[in-house]
N, C-alpha and C. Protein backbone atom coordinates (compact mmCIF):
# COMPACT_ATOMS: atom_id res chain seq x y z
N MET A 1 7.30 -21.35 5.85
CA MET A 1 6.38 -20.29 5.49
C MET A 1 7.15 -18.97 5.51
N THR A 2 6.87 -18.11 4.55
CA THR A 2 7.56 -16.83 4.50
C THR A 2 6.98 -15.86 5.53
N GLU A 3 7.79 -14.88 5.89
CA GLU A 3 7.35 -13.85 6.84
C GLU A 3 6.15 -13.09 6.29
N ARG A 4 6.17 -12.81 4.99
CA ARG A 4 5.08 -12.06 4.36
C ARG A 4 3.76 -12.82 4.46
N VAL A 5 3.77 -14.12 4.19
CA VAL A 5 2.55 -14.93 4.26
C VAL A 5 2.07 -15.04 5.71
N GLN A 6 2.99 -15.24 6.63
CA GLN A 6 2.61 -15.32 8.05
C GLN A 6 1.98 -14.01 8.51
N LYS A 7 2.53 -12.89 8.05
CA LYS A 7 1.98 -11.57 8.42
C LYS A 7 0.56 -11.42 7.88
N MET A 8 0.34 -11.87 6.66
CA MET A 8 -1.00 -11.80 6.08
C MET A 8 -1.99 -12.63 6.88
N ILE A 9 -1.59 -13.83 7.26
CA ILE A 9 -2.47 -14.70 8.04
C ILE A 9 -2.78 -14.06 9.39
N ASP A 10 -1.77 -13.52 10.04
CA ASP A 10 -1.96 -12.89 11.35
C ASP A 10 -2.89 -11.68 11.26
N GLU A 11 -2.70 -10.85 10.24
CA GLU A 11 -3.53 -9.66 10.10
C GLU A 11 -4.96 -10.03 9.72
N ALA A 12 -5.11 -10.95 8.79
CA ALA A 12 -6.46 -11.34 8.36
C ALA A 12 -7.21 -12.02 9.50
N GLY A 13 -6.50 -12.78 10.31
CA GLY A 13 -7.14 -13.52 11.39
C GLY A 13 -7.13 -12.81 12.74
N ALA A 14 -6.80 -11.53 12.76
CA ALA A 14 -6.71 -10.79 14.02
C ALA A 14 -8.01 -10.85 14.81
N ASP A 15 -9.14 -10.94 14.12
CA ASP A 15 -10.44 -11.01 14.80
C ASP A 15 -10.93 -12.45 14.94
N GLY A 16 -10.09 -13.42 14.60
CA GLY A 16 -10.46 -14.82 14.71
C GLY A 16 -11.20 -15.37 13.49
N ILE A 17 -11.46 -14.49 12.52
CA ILE A 17 -12.21 -14.89 11.32
C ILE A 17 -11.42 -14.49 10.09
N ILE A 18 -11.37 -15.39 9.13
CA ILE A 18 -10.75 -15.09 7.84
C ILE A 18 -11.82 -15.32 6.78
N SER A 19 -12.03 -14.30 5.95
CA SER A 19 -13.03 -14.44 4.89
C SER A 19 -12.46 -15.32 3.78
N VAL A 20 -13.34 -15.82 2.95
CA VAL A 20 -12.92 -16.64 1.83
C VAL A 20 -12.02 -15.83 0.90
N ALA A 21 -12.36 -14.56 0.69
CA ALA A 21 -11.53 -13.70 -0.17
C ALA A 21 -10.14 -13.52 0.42
N GLU A 22 -10.05 -13.33 1.74
CA GLU A 22 -8.74 -13.20 2.38
C GLU A 22 -7.95 -14.50 2.25
N LYS A 23 -8.62 -15.63 2.44
CA LYS A 23 -7.96 -16.93 2.31
C LYS A 23 -7.42 -17.11 0.90
N ASN A 24 -8.23 -16.74 -0.10
CA ASN A 24 -7.79 -16.87 -1.50
C ASN A 24 -6.58 -15.99 -1.78
N LEU A 25 -6.58 -14.77 -1.24
CA LEU A 25 -5.43 -13.88 -1.43
C LEU A 25 -4.19 -14.48 -0.77
N ILE A 26 -4.34 -14.99 0.43
CA ILE A 26 -3.21 -15.61 1.13
C ILE A 26 -2.67 -16.79 0.33
N LEU A 27 -3.56 -17.60 -0.22
CA LEU A 27 -3.12 -18.76 -1.02
C LEU A 27 -2.40 -18.31 -2.29
N ARG A 28 -2.90 -17.23 -2.94
CA ARG A 28 -2.23 -16.70 -4.14
C ARG A 28 -0.82 -16.21 -3.82
N ILE A 29 -0.70 -15.43 -2.73
CA ILE A 29 0.61 -14.90 -2.35
C ILE A 29 1.54 -16.04 -1.95
N ALA A 30 1.01 -17.02 -1.22
CA ALA A 30 1.82 -18.17 -0.82
C ALA A 30 2.34 -18.93 -2.03
N ALA A 31 1.50 -19.07 -3.05
CA ALA A 31 1.93 -19.75 -4.28
C ALA A 31 3.08 -18.98 -4.94
N LYS A 32 2.96 -17.65 -4.97
CA LYS A 32 4.03 -16.82 -5.54
C LYS A 32 5.33 -16.97 -4.76
N ASP A 33 5.20 -17.16 -3.43
CA ASP A 33 6.36 -17.30 -2.56
C ASP A 33 6.83 -18.75 -2.44
N ASN A 34 6.22 -19.64 -3.25
CA ASN A 34 6.57 -21.06 -3.24
C ASN A 34 6.40 -21.71 -1.87
N VAL A 35 5.33 -21.32 -1.16
CA VAL A 35 5.01 -21.92 0.13
C VAL A 35 4.04 -23.07 -0.12
N ASP A 36 4.28 -24.17 0.53
CA ASP A 36 3.44 -25.35 0.39
C ASP A 36 2.00 -25.03 0.79
N GLN A 37 1.04 -25.34 -0.07
CA GLN A 37 -0.37 -25.03 0.18
C GLN A 37 -0.91 -25.76 1.42
N ASP A 38 -0.42 -26.96 1.66
CA ASP A 38 -0.85 -27.70 2.85
C ASP A 38 -0.41 -26.99 4.13
N GLU A 39 0.76 -26.38 4.09
CA GLU A 39 1.25 -25.63 5.25
C GLU A 39 0.32 -24.44 5.54
N ILE A 40 -0.15 -23.79 4.50
CA ILE A 40 -1.08 -22.66 4.65
C ILE A 40 -2.40 -23.15 5.20
N GLU A 41 -2.94 -24.21 4.61
CA GLU A 41 -4.21 -24.77 5.08
C GLU A 41 -4.12 -25.13 6.56
N PHE A 42 -2.99 -25.70 6.97
CA PHE A 42 -2.80 -26.07 8.37
C PHE A 42 -2.78 -24.82 9.26
N ALA A 43 -2.08 -23.79 8.82
CA ALA A 43 -2.01 -22.54 9.59
C ALA A 43 -3.38 -21.88 9.72
N LEU A 44 -4.24 -22.06 8.71
CA LEU A 44 -5.56 -21.44 8.72
C LEU A 44 -6.57 -22.21 9.57
N LEU A 45 -6.22 -23.43 10.00
CA LEU A 45 -7.14 -24.25 10.79
C LEU A 45 -7.55 -23.58 12.10
N LYS A 46 -6.70 -22.73 12.65
CA LYS A 46 -7.03 -22.12 13.94
C LYS A 46 -8.00 -20.94 13.80
N TYR A 47 -8.38 -20.61 12.57
CA TYR A 47 -9.32 -19.52 12.33
C TYR A 47 -10.62 -20.05 11.73
N ASN A 48 -11.68 -19.32 11.96
CA ASN A 48 -12.94 -19.62 11.28
C ASN A 48 -12.87 -18.99 9.90
N VAL A 49 -13.02 -19.79 8.87
CA VAL A 49 -13.08 -19.26 7.51
C VAL A 49 -14.55 -19.15 7.16
N GLU A 50 -14.99 -17.92 6.93
CA GLU A 50 -16.41 -17.66 6.72
C GLU A 50 -16.71 -17.22 5.29
N GLU A 51 -17.86 -17.66 4.84
CA GLU A 51 -18.32 -17.31 3.50
C GLU A 51 -18.87 -15.88 3.44
N GLU A 52 -19.25 -15.35 4.60
CA GLU A 52 -19.88 -14.03 4.58
C GLU A 52 -18.93 -12.97 4.04
N LYS A 53 -19.51 -11.97 3.47
CA LYS A 53 -18.73 -10.90 2.87
C LYS A 53 -18.19 -9.98 3.96
N VAL A 54 -16.90 -9.77 3.96
CA VAL A 54 -16.25 -8.90 4.92
C VAL A 54 -15.99 -7.57 4.23
N ASP A 55 -16.19 -6.48 4.96
CA ASP A 55 -15.88 -5.18 4.40
C ASP A 55 -14.96 -4.43 5.34
N TYR A 56 -14.34 -3.41 4.83
CA TYR A 56 -13.35 -2.66 5.58
C TYR A 56 -13.80 -1.22 5.75
N ASP A 57 -13.29 -0.59 6.79
CA ASP A 57 -13.67 0.76 7.15
C ASP A 57 -12.88 1.78 6.33
N ILE A 58 -13.24 1.87 5.04
CA ILE A 58 -12.61 2.82 4.13
C ILE A 58 -13.59 3.12 3.00
N GLU A 59 -13.71 4.38 2.65
CA GLU A 59 -14.60 4.79 1.56
C GLU A 59 -13.96 4.41 0.22
N ASP A 60 -14.79 4.21 -0.80
CA ASP A 60 -14.29 3.82 -2.12
C ASP A 60 -13.28 4.82 -2.68
N ALA A 61 -13.57 6.11 -2.54
CA ALA A 61 -12.66 7.14 -3.08
C ALA A 61 -11.30 7.07 -2.39
N GLU A 62 -11.30 6.88 -1.08
CA GLU A 62 -10.04 6.77 -0.33
C GLU A 62 -9.31 5.48 -0.71
N LEU A 63 -10.05 4.40 -0.93
CA LEU A 63 -9.46 3.13 -1.35
C LEU A 63 -8.73 3.30 -2.68
N ILE A 64 -9.39 3.93 -3.64
CA ILE A 64 -8.78 4.18 -4.96
C ILE A 64 -7.53 5.03 -4.82
N LYS A 65 -7.61 6.06 -3.98
CA LYS A 65 -6.48 6.96 -3.75
C LYS A 65 -5.28 6.20 -3.17
N ARG A 66 -5.55 5.31 -2.21
CA ARG A 66 -4.46 4.55 -1.59
C ARG A 66 -3.86 3.54 -2.56
N ILE A 67 -4.67 2.91 -3.38
CA ILE A 67 -4.13 1.97 -4.36
C ILE A 67 -3.23 2.71 -5.34
N ASP A 68 -3.67 3.87 -5.81
CA ASP A 68 -2.83 4.71 -6.69
C ASP A 68 -1.49 5.03 -6.01
N PHE A 69 -1.57 5.42 -4.74
CA PHE A 69 -0.39 5.78 -3.96
C PHE A 69 0.60 4.62 -3.91
N TRP A 70 0.10 3.43 -3.52
CA TRP A 70 0.99 2.28 -3.37
C TRP A 70 1.51 1.77 -4.71
N LEU A 71 0.67 1.83 -5.75
CA LEU A 71 1.15 1.42 -7.08
C LEU A 71 2.29 2.32 -7.56
N SER A 72 2.15 3.62 -7.36
CA SER A 72 3.21 4.55 -7.82
C SER A 72 4.52 4.27 -7.09
N HIS A 73 4.45 3.94 -5.81
CA HIS A 73 5.68 3.65 -5.06
C HIS A 73 6.21 2.25 -5.39
N ALA A 74 5.33 1.30 -5.66
CA ALA A 74 5.80 -0.04 -6.07
C ALA A 74 6.56 0.06 -7.38
N ALA A 75 6.11 0.92 -8.27
CA ALA A 75 6.79 1.11 -9.56
C ALA A 75 8.20 1.67 -9.35
N LYS A 76 8.38 2.46 -8.31
CA LYS A 76 9.71 3.03 -7.99
C LYS A 76 10.58 2.03 -7.24
N GLY A 77 9.94 1.08 -6.56
CA GLY A 77 10.69 0.03 -5.89
C GLY A 77 11.01 0.27 -4.43
N LYS A 78 10.72 1.46 -3.93
CA LYS A 78 10.97 1.71 -2.52
C LYS A 78 10.16 2.90 -2.05
N PHE A 79 10.01 2.98 -0.73
CA PHE A 79 9.25 4.08 -0.13
C PHE A 79 9.76 4.31 1.28
N LYS A 80 9.87 5.57 1.63
CA LYS A 80 10.22 5.93 3.00
C LYS A 80 9.38 7.14 3.35
N GLY A 81 8.58 7.02 4.38
CA GLY A 81 7.76 8.15 4.79
C GLY A 81 6.58 7.73 5.62
N MET A 82 5.65 8.65 5.76
CA MET A 82 4.46 8.45 6.58
C MET A 82 3.29 8.05 5.68
N TYR A 83 2.42 7.20 6.21
CA TYR A 83 1.24 6.78 5.46
C TYR A 83 0.15 6.35 6.43
N ASP A 84 -1.09 6.32 5.93
CA ASP A 84 -2.22 5.89 6.75
C ASP A 84 -2.16 4.39 6.95
N PRO A 85 -2.54 3.92 8.15
CA PRO A 85 -2.52 2.48 8.39
C PRO A 85 -3.59 1.76 7.57
N PHE A 86 -3.38 0.47 7.35
CA PHE A 86 -4.35 -0.34 6.62
C PHE A 86 -5.67 -0.31 7.38
N PRO A 87 -6.78 -0.15 6.66
CA PRO A 87 -8.08 -0.06 7.35
C PRO A 87 -8.45 -1.37 8.05
N LYS A 88 -9.16 -1.23 9.15
CA LYS A 88 -9.61 -2.42 9.87
C LYS A 88 -10.94 -2.87 9.29
N LYS A 89 -11.27 -4.12 9.59
CA LYS A 89 -12.55 -4.66 9.16
C LYS A 89 -13.66 -3.91 9.88
N LYS A 90 -14.77 -3.69 9.19
CA LYS A 90 -15.91 -3.04 9.83
C LYS A 90 -16.37 -3.89 11.01
N GLY A 91 -16.59 -3.25 12.12
CA GLY A 91 -17.04 -3.95 13.31
C GLY A 91 -15.92 -4.56 14.12
N GLU A 92 -14.70 -4.48 13.63
CA GLU A 92 -13.56 -5.05 14.34
C GLU A 92 -13.16 -4.13 15.49
N ILE A 93 -12.95 -4.69 16.64
CA ILE A 93 -12.49 -3.91 17.78
C ILE A 93 -10.98 -3.83 17.70
N ASN A 94 -10.49 -2.63 17.81
CA ASN A 94 -9.06 -2.41 17.68
C ASN A 94 -8.52 -1.88 19.01
N ARG A 95 -7.45 -2.47 19.50
CA ARG A 95 -6.86 -2.00 20.75
C ARG A 95 -6.40 -0.55 20.64
N LEU A 96 -6.09 -0.11 19.43
CA LEU A 96 -5.68 1.26 19.21
C LEU A 96 -6.82 2.22 19.56
N ASP A 97 -8.06 1.82 19.31
CA ASP A 97 -9.21 2.66 19.66
C ASP A 97 -9.26 2.92 21.16
N ASP A 98 -8.97 1.90 21.97
CA ASP A 98 -8.94 2.08 23.42
C ASP A 98 -7.85 3.08 23.80
N GLY A 99 -6.70 2.96 23.14
CA GLY A 99 -5.60 3.89 23.40
C GLY A 99 -5.97 5.30 23.01
N LYS A 100 -6.67 5.45 21.88
CA LYS A 100 -7.09 6.79 21.46
C LYS A 100 -8.06 7.40 22.46
N ALA A 101 -8.93 6.57 23.04
CA ALA A 101 -9.88 7.07 24.04
C ALA A 101 -9.12 7.61 25.25
N LEU A 102 -8.09 6.90 25.68
CA LEU A 102 -7.28 7.38 26.80
C LEU A 102 -6.55 8.66 26.46
N ILE A 103 -6.02 8.71 25.23
CA ILE A 103 -5.31 9.91 24.78
C ILE A 103 -6.27 11.09 24.74
N ASN A 104 -7.48 10.86 24.21
CA ASN A 104 -8.46 11.95 24.15
C ASN A 104 -8.83 12.45 25.54
N LYS A 105 -8.88 11.55 26.51
CA LYS A 105 -9.17 11.95 27.89
C LYS A 105 -8.03 12.83 28.41
N ALA A 106 -6.79 12.42 28.11
CA ALA A 106 -5.63 13.21 28.53
C ALA A 106 -5.62 14.56 27.85
N ILE A 107 -6.04 14.60 26.58
CA ILE A 107 -6.11 15.86 25.85
C ILE A 107 -7.13 16.78 26.51
N GLY A 108 -8.25 16.22 26.94
CA GLY A 108 -9.27 17.01 27.62
C GLY A 108 -8.71 17.69 28.85
N THR A 109 -7.86 16.96 29.57
CA THR A 109 -7.22 17.54 30.75
C THR A 109 -6.20 18.59 30.33
N ALA A 110 -5.43 18.32 29.29
CA ALA A 110 -4.41 19.27 28.83
C ALA A 110 -5.01 20.55 28.29
N LYS A 111 -6.20 20.48 27.75
CA LYS A 111 -6.86 21.67 27.20
C LYS A 111 -7.08 22.74 28.27
N LYS A 112 -7.14 22.30 29.51
CA LYS A 112 -7.37 23.24 30.60
C LYS A 112 -6.14 24.10 30.87
N LEU A 113 -4.99 23.64 30.38
CA LEU A 113 -3.76 24.41 30.56
C LEU A 113 -3.61 25.38 29.40
N PRO A 114 -3.38 26.67 29.68
CA PRO A 114 -3.29 27.67 28.60
C PRO A 114 -2.21 27.33 27.57
N GLY A 115 -2.61 27.30 26.29
CA GLY A 115 -1.67 27.11 25.18
C GLY A 115 -1.29 25.67 24.90
N LEU A 116 -1.57 24.76 25.80
CA LEU A 116 -1.17 23.37 25.61
C LEU A 116 -2.19 22.54 24.86
N GLY A 117 -3.44 22.87 24.96
CA GLY A 117 -4.50 22.06 24.36
C GLY A 117 -4.35 21.86 22.88
N ALA A 118 -4.21 22.95 22.11
CA ALA A 118 -4.15 22.84 20.65
C ALA A 118 -2.91 22.09 20.20
N VAL A 119 -1.78 22.39 20.81
CA VAL A 119 -0.53 21.72 20.42
C VAL A 119 -0.62 20.23 20.72
N THR A 120 -1.13 19.87 21.87
CA THR A 120 -1.25 18.46 22.26
C THR A 120 -2.16 17.72 21.31
N LYS A 121 -3.31 18.31 20.98
CA LYS A 121 -4.27 17.64 20.12
C LYS A 121 -3.69 17.39 18.73
N ILE A 122 -3.03 18.38 18.16
CA ILE A 122 -2.47 18.23 16.82
C ILE A 122 -1.40 17.14 16.82
N GLY A 123 -0.48 17.18 17.79
CA GLY A 123 0.60 16.20 17.83
C GLY A 123 0.10 14.78 18.01
N VAL A 124 -0.85 14.57 18.90
CA VAL A 124 -1.38 13.24 19.15
C VAL A 124 -2.21 12.76 17.97
N GLY A 125 -2.99 13.64 17.36
CA GLY A 125 -3.81 13.27 16.21
C GLY A 125 -2.98 12.78 15.06
N VAL A 126 -1.89 13.47 14.78
CA VAL A 126 -1.01 13.06 13.70
C VAL A 126 -0.34 11.74 14.03
N ALA A 127 0.14 11.60 15.25
CA ALA A 127 0.84 10.37 15.64
C ALA A 127 -0.07 9.15 15.62
N ALA A 128 -1.35 9.33 15.94
CA ALA A 128 -2.25 8.18 16.03
C ALA A 128 -2.81 7.76 14.68
N SER A 129 -2.69 8.61 13.65
CA SER A 129 -3.35 8.28 12.39
C SER A 129 -2.40 7.90 11.26
N VAL A 130 -1.11 8.00 11.44
CA VAL A 130 -0.19 7.65 10.38
C VAL A 130 0.89 6.72 10.89
N VAL A 131 1.49 6.01 9.95
CA VAL A 131 2.56 5.08 10.25
C VAL A 131 3.77 5.54 9.44
N GLY A 132 4.95 5.31 9.94
CA GLY A 132 6.13 5.69 9.19
C GLY A 132 7.15 4.58 9.17
N LYS A 133 7.65 4.28 7.99
CA LYS A 133 8.68 3.25 7.88
C LYS A 133 9.22 3.23 6.45
N GLU A 134 10.35 2.60 6.30
CA GLU A 134 10.93 2.39 4.98
C GLU A 134 10.43 1.05 4.47
N MET A 135 9.99 1.00 3.21
CA MET A 135 9.43 -0.23 2.66
C MET A 135 10.19 -0.65 1.41
N THR A 136 10.35 -1.97 1.26
CA THR A 136 11.02 -2.54 0.09
C THR A 136 10.00 -2.76 -1.03
N TYR A 137 10.51 -3.14 -2.17
CA TYR A 137 9.65 -3.46 -3.32
C TYR A 137 8.63 -4.53 -2.96
N GLN A 138 9.07 -5.62 -2.33
CA GLN A 138 8.17 -6.72 -1.97
C GLN A 138 7.07 -6.24 -1.02
N GLU A 139 7.43 -5.42 -0.05
CA GLU A 139 6.44 -4.89 0.90
C GLU A 139 5.44 -3.98 0.20
N LEU A 140 5.90 -3.22 -0.77
CA LEU A 140 5.02 -2.33 -1.52
C LEU A 140 4.02 -3.13 -2.36
N VAL A 141 4.49 -4.17 -3.02
CA VAL A 141 3.61 -5.03 -3.81
C VAL A 141 2.58 -5.70 -2.89
N PHE A 142 3.04 -6.13 -1.73
CA PHE A 142 2.15 -6.74 -0.74
C PHE A 142 1.05 -5.74 -0.32
N GLU A 143 1.42 -4.50 -0.10
CA GLU A 143 0.46 -3.47 0.30
C GLU A 143 -0.58 -3.26 -0.81
N VAL A 144 -0.13 -3.19 -2.05
CA VAL A 144 -1.06 -3.04 -3.18
C VAL A 144 -2.03 -4.22 -3.21
N GLU A 145 -1.51 -5.43 -3.04
CA GLU A 145 -2.35 -6.63 -3.09
C GLU A 145 -3.41 -6.63 -1.97
N ARG A 146 -3.03 -6.13 -0.80
CA ARG A 146 -4.00 -6.07 0.31
C ARG A 146 -5.14 -5.11 -0.02
N TYR A 147 -4.81 -3.95 -0.56
CA TYR A 147 -5.84 -2.98 -0.92
C TYR A 147 -6.68 -3.49 -2.11
N LEU A 148 -6.03 -4.17 -3.04
CA LEU A 148 -6.78 -4.73 -4.18
C LEU A 148 -7.77 -5.79 -3.71
N MET A 149 -7.44 -6.50 -2.62
CA MET A 149 -8.36 -7.49 -2.07
C MET A 149 -9.68 -6.80 -1.67
N ILE A 150 -9.58 -5.63 -1.04
CA ILE A 150 -10.79 -4.89 -0.64
C ILE A 150 -11.56 -4.46 -1.88
N LEU A 151 -10.85 -3.93 -2.87
CA LEU A 151 -11.50 -3.49 -4.09
C LEU A 151 -12.16 -4.67 -4.81
N GLU A 152 -11.50 -5.82 -4.79
CA GLU A 152 -12.05 -7.02 -5.42
C GLU A 152 -13.38 -7.42 -4.77
N LEU A 153 -13.43 -7.35 -3.45
CA LEU A 153 -14.67 -7.65 -2.73
C LEU A 153 -15.80 -6.71 -3.14
N ARG A 154 -15.48 -5.45 -3.26
CA ARG A 154 -16.50 -4.45 -3.58
C ARG A 154 -16.86 -4.44 -5.06
N ALA A 155 -15.92 -4.79 -5.92
CA ALA A 155 -16.17 -4.74 -7.36
C ALA A 155 -17.14 -5.82 -7.81
N GLU A 156 -17.30 -6.87 -7.02
CA GLU A 156 -18.25 -7.93 -7.38
C GLU A 156 -19.65 -7.38 -7.57
N ASP A 157 -19.99 -6.35 -6.80
CA ASP A 157 -21.33 -5.78 -6.83
C ASP A 157 -21.38 -4.38 -7.43
N SER A 158 -20.32 -3.94 -8.10
CA SER A 158 -20.28 -2.56 -8.58
C SER A 158 -19.74 -2.47 -10.01
N ASP A 159 -20.59 -1.99 -10.90
CA ASP A 159 -20.15 -1.76 -12.28
C ASP A 159 -19.16 -0.61 -12.38
N VAL A 160 -19.17 0.27 -11.39
CA VAL A 160 -18.26 1.42 -11.38
C VAL A 160 -16.85 0.99 -10.96
N LEU A 161 -16.76 0.11 -9.97
CA LEU A 161 -15.46 -0.30 -9.45
C LEU A 161 -14.77 -1.39 -10.26
N ARG A 162 -15.55 -2.18 -10.99
CA ARG A 162 -14.98 -3.31 -11.75
C ARG A 162 -13.89 -2.87 -12.74
N PRO A 163 -14.14 -1.80 -13.55
CA PRO A 163 -13.08 -1.38 -14.48
C PRO A 163 -11.83 -0.85 -13.76
N LYS A 164 -12.03 -0.21 -12.61
CA LYS A 164 -10.89 0.27 -11.82
C LYS A 164 -10.04 -0.91 -11.35
N LEU A 165 -10.72 -1.96 -10.87
CA LEU A 165 -10.02 -3.15 -10.41
C LEU A 165 -9.19 -3.75 -11.54
N THR A 166 -9.80 -3.88 -12.71
CA THR A 166 -9.09 -4.44 -13.87
C THR A 166 -7.86 -3.60 -14.22
N ALA A 167 -8.03 -2.28 -14.23
CA ALA A 167 -6.92 -1.39 -14.57
C ALA A 167 -5.79 -1.50 -13.54
N PHE A 168 -6.15 -1.53 -12.26
CA PHE A 168 -5.14 -1.64 -11.20
C PHE A 168 -4.41 -2.98 -11.27
N LYS A 169 -5.14 -4.06 -11.56
CA LYS A 169 -4.50 -5.37 -11.65
C LYS A 169 -3.51 -5.41 -12.82
N LEU A 170 -3.88 -4.79 -13.93
CA LEU A 170 -2.98 -4.72 -15.08
C LEU A 170 -1.72 -3.92 -14.74
N GLU A 171 -1.93 -2.81 -14.06
CA GLU A 171 -0.79 -1.97 -13.67
C GLU A 171 0.14 -2.73 -12.72
N LEU A 172 -0.43 -3.44 -11.76
CA LEU A 172 0.39 -4.22 -10.84
C LEU A 172 1.13 -5.34 -11.58
N SER A 173 0.45 -5.97 -12.51
CA SER A 173 1.07 -7.03 -13.30
C SER A 173 2.27 -6.48 -14.09
N ASP A 174 2.11 -5.29 -14.68
CA ASP A 174 3.22 -4.66 -15.40
C ASP A 174 4.39 -4.37 -14.47
N ILE A 175 4.08 -3.87 -13.29
CA ILE A 175 5.13 -3.56 -12.31
C ILE A 175 5.86 -4.85 -11.92
N GLN A 176 5.11 -5.92 -11.69
CA GLN A 176 5.73 -7.19 -11.30
C GLN A 176 6.54 -7.81 -12.43
N GLU A 177 6.09 -7.63 -13.67
CA GLU A 177 6.86 -8.15 -14.81
C GLU A 177 8.21 -7.47 -14.90
N LYS A 178 8.23 -6.16 -14.65
CA LYS A 178 9.48 -5.40 -14.70
C LYS A 178 10.39 -5.77 -13.54
N GLY A 179 9.81 -6.19 -12.42
CA GLY A 179 10.60 -6.58 -11.26
C GLY A 179 11.03 -5.39 -10.43
N ASP A 180 11.80 -5.69 -9.42
CA ASP A 180 12.27 -4.69 -8.47
C ASP A 180 13.24 -3.73 -9.17
N PRO A 181 12.87 -2.45 -9.30
CA PRO A 181 13.76 -1.50 -9.98
C PRO A 181 15.10 -1.32 -9.29
N SER A 182 15.18 -1.56 -7.99
CA SER A 182 16.45 -1.40 -7.28
C SER A 182 17.42 -2.53 -7.58
N LYS A 183 16.95 -3.59 -8.25
CA LYS A 183 17.81 -4.73 -8.58
C LYS A 183 18.01 -4.88 -10.07
N LYS A 184 17.85 -3.81 -10.81
CA LYS A 184 18.05 -3.86 -12.26
C LYS A 184 19.50 -4.10 -12.60
N ARG A 185 19.71 -4.95 -13.57
CA ARG A 185 21.06 -5.26 -14.03
C ARG A 185 21.43 -4.34 -15.17
N PHE A 186 22.68 -4.01 -15.23
CA PHE A 186 23.19 -3.18 -16.33
C PHE A 186 24.06 -4.07 -17.20
N GLY A 187 23.95 -3.86 -18.48
CA GLY A 187 24.75 -4.65 -19.40
C GLY A 187 23.97 -4.98 -20.65
N LEU A 188 24.49 -5.89 -21.43
CA LEU A 188 23.90 -6.23 -22.71
C LEU A 188 22.77 -7.24 -22.58
N PHE A 189 22.68 -7.99 -21.52
CA PHE A 189 21.70 -9.05 -21.42
C PHE A 189 20.54 -8.66 -20.58
């Protein structure tokens, strides 16, 4: 099993439940990575696969904005910088939330010290809400596919989102047809 597919399974199953849409996305990516489907099915046995519709804690406008962001970087083939973390499932308990509560308590104490409160709050707020790393072409395509999964779930019931989904899928397909821009060959062939 590839690292990318294992990461998808781990993230989708973080709450012990994998939706049918998440399972289908994992199977599609696994097929692209030439991973045996039986191996995936076996890995998914430890999770409850549910028919219920899963939604994520992100507004439609922000979802569209993030898909645009990741598509533009996938077309370039690489990315290095800060970005918002992938949204969690609605109702999912996140250990990061517990950490933020502790940080906010510490900020409350720091606010009592002259001049420290504002600086502390800004620094912690920025650190807790963004992620920073260098990403390869494959990781960028993976990120687009994860966000498209959310849009796909929502587009089933929305005439407004359906054309956006189609356009984004076409754009991703074009990017994938061209391949990784950092590995372009030069020459006559």
